[in-house]
Amino acid sequence: KIKVGGSPAAHKLSNDSGELESGEAVASHSYVGCNGKTKWTLTATHLLKKKARFETLAKKVVDSVRYAK
């Protein structure tokens, strides 16, 4: 459990090997959040070998979430 935009949220990470035809491993980040009025979800999937680049990008996107007043 985490907080996003000041409200409760959750994050789940799944690492799957051989998911692509090439046999490369992928990681999927699933985020979900709610402020009692608005629910949202975000799923980001990337090659495991590019983890440093895309994991940081997904985190920045989630950190930018704000609820309208």
N, C-alpha and C. Protein backbone atom coordinates (compact mmCIF):
# COMPACT_ATOMS: atom_id res chain seq x y z
N LYS A 1 0.83 -1.18 0.00
CA LYS A 1 0.00 0.00 0.00
C LYS A 1 0.88 1.24 0.00
N ILE A 2 0.44 2.22 -0.77
CA ILE A 2 1.16 3.47 -0.89
C ILE A 2 0.16 4.62 -0.91
N LYS A 3 0.64 5.84 -0.94
CA LYS A 3 -0.23 6.99 -1.12
C LYS A 3 0.16 7.67 -2.42
N VAL A 4 -0.86 8.01 -3.20
CA VAL A 4 -0.65 8.73 -4.46
C VAL A 4 -1.62 9.91 -4.46
N GLY A 5 -1.12 11.10 -4.69
CA GLY A 5 -1.97 12.27 -4.66
C GLY A 5 -2.61 12.49 -3.30
N GLY A 6 -1.96 11.98 -2.24
CA GLY A 6 -2.47 12.15 -0.90
C GLY A 6 -3.54 11.16 -0.49
N SER A 7 -3.87 10.21 -1.36
CA SER A 7 -4.91 9.21 -1.06
C SER A 7 -4.35 7.80 -1.19
N PRO A 8 -5.05 6.81 -0.61
CA PRO A 8 -4.57 5.44 -0.66
C PRO A 8 -4.46 4.89 -2.08
N ALA A 9 -3.44 4.08 -2.29
CA ALA A 9 -3.23 3.43 -3.58
C ALA A 9 -2.50 2.11 -3.32
N ALA A 10 -2.33 1.34 -4.36
CA ALA A 10 -1.61 0.07 -4.24
C ALA A 10 -0.77 -0.13 -5.49
N HIS A 11 0.31 -0.89 -5.32
CA HIS A 11 1.23 -1.19 -6.42
C HIS A 11 1.52 -2.68 -6.41
N LYS A 12 1.48 -3.28 -7.59
CA LYS A 12 1.81 -4.70 -7.73
C LYS A 12 2.82 -4.83 -8.86
N LEU A 13 3.88 -5.59 -8.63
CA LEU A 13 4.90 -5.84 -9.63
C LEU A 13 4.89 -7.32 -10.00
N SER A 14 4.84 -7.58 -11.30
CA SER A 14 4.89 -8.96 -11.79
C SER A 14 6.06 -9.08 -12.76
N ASN A 15 6.92 -10.06 -12.55
CA ASN A 15 8.01 -10.36 -13.48
C ASN A 15 7.66 -11.67 -14.17
N ASP A 16 7.65 -11.64 -15.49
CA ASP A 16 7.28 -12.82 -16.26
C ASP A 16 8.37 -13.12 -17.28
N SER A 17 8.89 -14.33 -17.24
CA SER A 17 9.91 -14.70 -18.22
C SER A 17 9.26 -15.41 -19.39
N GLY A 18 9.81 -15.20 -20.55
CA GLY A 18 9.33 -15.87 -21.75
C GLY A 18 7.97 -15.41 -22.23
N GLU A 19 7.53 -14.23 -21.84
CA GLU A 19 6.21 -13.74 -22.25
C GLU A 19 6.17 -13.34 -23.72
N LEU A 20 7.26 -12.89 -24.25
CA LEU A 20 7.31 -12.46 -25.64
C LEU A 20 7.74 -13.61 -26.53
N GLU A 21 7.44 -13.50 -27.82
CA GLU A 21 7.86 -14.53 -28.77
C GLU A 21 9.37 -14.69 -28.76
N SER A 22 10.08 -13.61 -28.47
CA SER A 22 11.55 -13.65 -28.42
C SER A 22 12.06 -14.36 -27.16
N GLY A 23 11.16 -14.63 -26.22
CA GLY A 23 11.55 -15.29 -24.98
C GLY A 23 12.08 -14.34 -23.92
N GLU A 24 12.05 -13.04 -24.20
CA GLU A 24 12.56 -12.06 -23.25
C GLU A 24 11.60 -11.90 -22.08
N ALA A 25 12.17 -11.58 -20.94
CA ALA A 25 11.38 -11.37 -19.72
C ALA A 25 10.82 -9.96 -19.68
N VAL A 26 9.62 -9.83 -19.15
CA VAL A 26 8.98 -8.52 -19.00
C VAL A 26 8.56 -8.30 -17.55
N ALA A 27 8.42 -7.04 -17.20
CA ALA A 27 7.92 -6.66 -15.88
C ALA A 27 6.68 -5.82 -16.10
N SER A 28 5.67 -6.04 -15.28
CA SER A 28 4.44 -5.25 -15.34
C SER A 28 4.18 -4.63 -13.98
N HIS A 29 3.98 -3.32 -14.00
CA HIS A 29 3.64 -2.57 -12.80
C HIS A 29 2.17 -2.19 -12.89
N SER A 30 1.40 -2.56 -11.90
CA SER A 30 -0.01 -2.19 -11.85
C SER A 30 -0.23 -1.30 -10.63
N TYR A 31 -0.81 -0.15 -10.87
CA TYR A 31 -1.14 0.79 -9.82
C TYR A 31 -2.64 1.03 -9.83
N VAL A 32 -3.23 1.20 -8.66
CA VAL A 32 -4.65 1.53 -8.55
C VAL A 32 -4.80 2.47 -7.35
N GLY A 33 -5.69 3.45 -7.50
CA GLY A 33 -5.89 4.39 -6.41
C GLY A 33 -7.30 4.94 -6.41
N CYS A 34 -7.68 5.54 -5.28
CA CYS A 34 -9.02 6.10 -5.12
C CYS A 34 -8.98 7.14 -4.01
N ASN A 35 -9.71 8.24 -4.22
CA ASN A 35 -9.81 9.25 -3.18
C ASN A 35 -11.22 9.30 -2.58
N GLY A 36 -12.02 8.27 -2.84
CA GLY A 36 -13.39 8.23 -2.35
C GLY A 36 -14.39 8.73 -3.37
N LYS A 37 -13.89 9.39 -4.40
CA LYS A 37 -14.75 9.94 -5.45
C LYS A 37 -14.29 9.48 -6.84
N THR A 38 -13.01 9.45 -7.03
CA THR A 38 -12.43 9.09 -8.32
C THR A 38 -11.52 7.88 -8.17
N LYS A 39 -11.71 6.87 -9.02
CA LYS A 39 -10.84 5.70 -9.06
C LYS A 39 -10.00 5.76 -10.33
N TRP A 40 -8.78 5.27 -10.26
CA TRP A 40 -7.92 5.22 -11.43
C TRP A 40 -7.03 3.98 -11.37
N THR A 41 -6.52 3.60 -12.54
CA THR A 41 -5.59 2.48 -12.63
C THR A 41 -4.57 2.78 -13.72
N LEU A 42 -3.37 2.29 -13.54
CA LEU A 42 -2.30 2.44 -14.52
C LEU A 42 -1.53 1.13 -14.57
N THR A 43 -1.30 0.65 -15.77
CA THR A 43 -0.46 -0.54 -15.95
C THR A 43 0.66 -0.18 -16.92
N ALA A 44 1.89 -0.44 -16.52
CA ALA A 44 3.06 -0.18 -17.35
C ALA A 44 3.84 -1.48 -17.48
N THR A 45 4.15 -1.87 -18.69
CA THR A 45 4.89 -3.10 -18.95
C THR A 45 6.15 -2.76 -19.75
N HIS A 46 7.28 -3.37 -19.34
CA HIS A 46 8.54 -3.10 -20.04
C HIS A 46 9.43 -4.34 -20.01
N LEU A 47 10.41 -4.36 -20.90
CA LEU A 47 11.39 -5.43 -20.90
C LEU A 47 12.21 -5.34 -19.63
N LEU A 48 12.48 -6.48 -19.02
CA LEU A 48 13.27 -6.48 -17.78
C LEU A 48 14.66 -5.91 -18.01
N LYS A 49 15.22 -6.12 -19.19
CA LYS A 49 16.57 -5.62 -19.44
C LYS A 49 16.59 -4.08 -19.53
N LYS A 50 15.42 -3.44 -19.65
CA LYS A 50 15.35 -1.98 -19.69
C LYS A 50 14.70 -1.43 -18.42
N LYS A 51 14.82 -2.19 -17.33
CA LYS A 51 14.19 -1.86 -16.06
C LYS A 51 14.57 -0.47 -15.56
N ALA A 52 15.84 -0.15 -15.57
CA ALA A 52 16.30 1.13 -15.01
C ALA A 52 15.60 2.31 -15.68
N ARG A 53 15.44 2.24 -16.98
CA ARG A 53 14.83 3.35 -17.72
C ARG A 53 13.33 3.44 -17.48
N PHE A 54 12.62 2.34 -17.65
CA PHE A 54 11.16 2.39 -17.66
C PHE A 54 10.52 2.29 -16.28
N GLU A 55 11.18 1.67 -15.33
CA GLU A 55 10.65 1.64 -13.97
C GLU A 55 10.63 3.06 -13.40
N THR A 56 11.67 3.81 -13.68
CA THR A 56 11.74 5.20 -13.24
C THR A 56 10.65 6.04 -13.90
N LEU A 57 10.40 5.80 -15.19
CA LEU A 57 9.37 6.54 -15.91
C LEU A 57 7.99 6.26 -15.33
N ALA A 58 7.68 5.00 -15.07
CA ALA A 58 6.37 4.64 -14.49
C ALA A 58 6.19 5.31 -13.13
N LYS A 59 7.23 5.32 -12.32
CA LYS A 59 7.16 5.95 -11.00
C LYS A 59 6.91 7.45 -11.13
N LYS A 60 7.54 8.10 -12.09
CA LYS A 60 7.34 9.54 -12.30
C LYS A 60 5.91 9.84 -12.73
N VAL A 61 5.34 8.99 -13.58
CA VAL A 61 3.95 9.17 -14.01
C VAL A 61 3.01 9.06 -12.80
N VAL A 62 3.20 8.04 -12.00
CA VAL A 62 2.34 7.85 -10.81
C VAL A 62 2.53 9.01 -9.83
N ASP A 63 3.75 9.46 -9.64
CA ASP A 63 3.99 10.58 -8.72
C ASP A 63 3.34 11.87 -9.20
N SER A 64 3.00 11.97 -10.49
CA SER A 64 2.39 13.17 -11.02
C SER A 64 0.86 13.20 -10.85
N VAL A 65 0.28 12.10 -10.37
CA VAL A 65 -1.18 12.02 -10.22
C VAL A 65 -1.65 12.99 -9.13
N ARG A 66 -2.64 13.80 -9.49
CA ARG A 66 -3.28 14.71 -8.54
C ARG A 66 -4.78 14.63 -8.75
N TYR A 67 -5.54 14.70 -7.69
CA TYR A 67 -7.00 14.70 -7.79
C TYR A 67 -7.49 16.13 -7.91
N ALA A 68 -8.49 16.34 -8.79
CA ALA A 68 -9.08 17.67 -8.94
C ALA A 68 -9.90 17.99 -7.69
N LYS A 69 -9.97 19.23 -7.35
CA LYS A 69 -10.72 19.63 -6.15
C LYS A 69 -12.14 19.98 -6.52
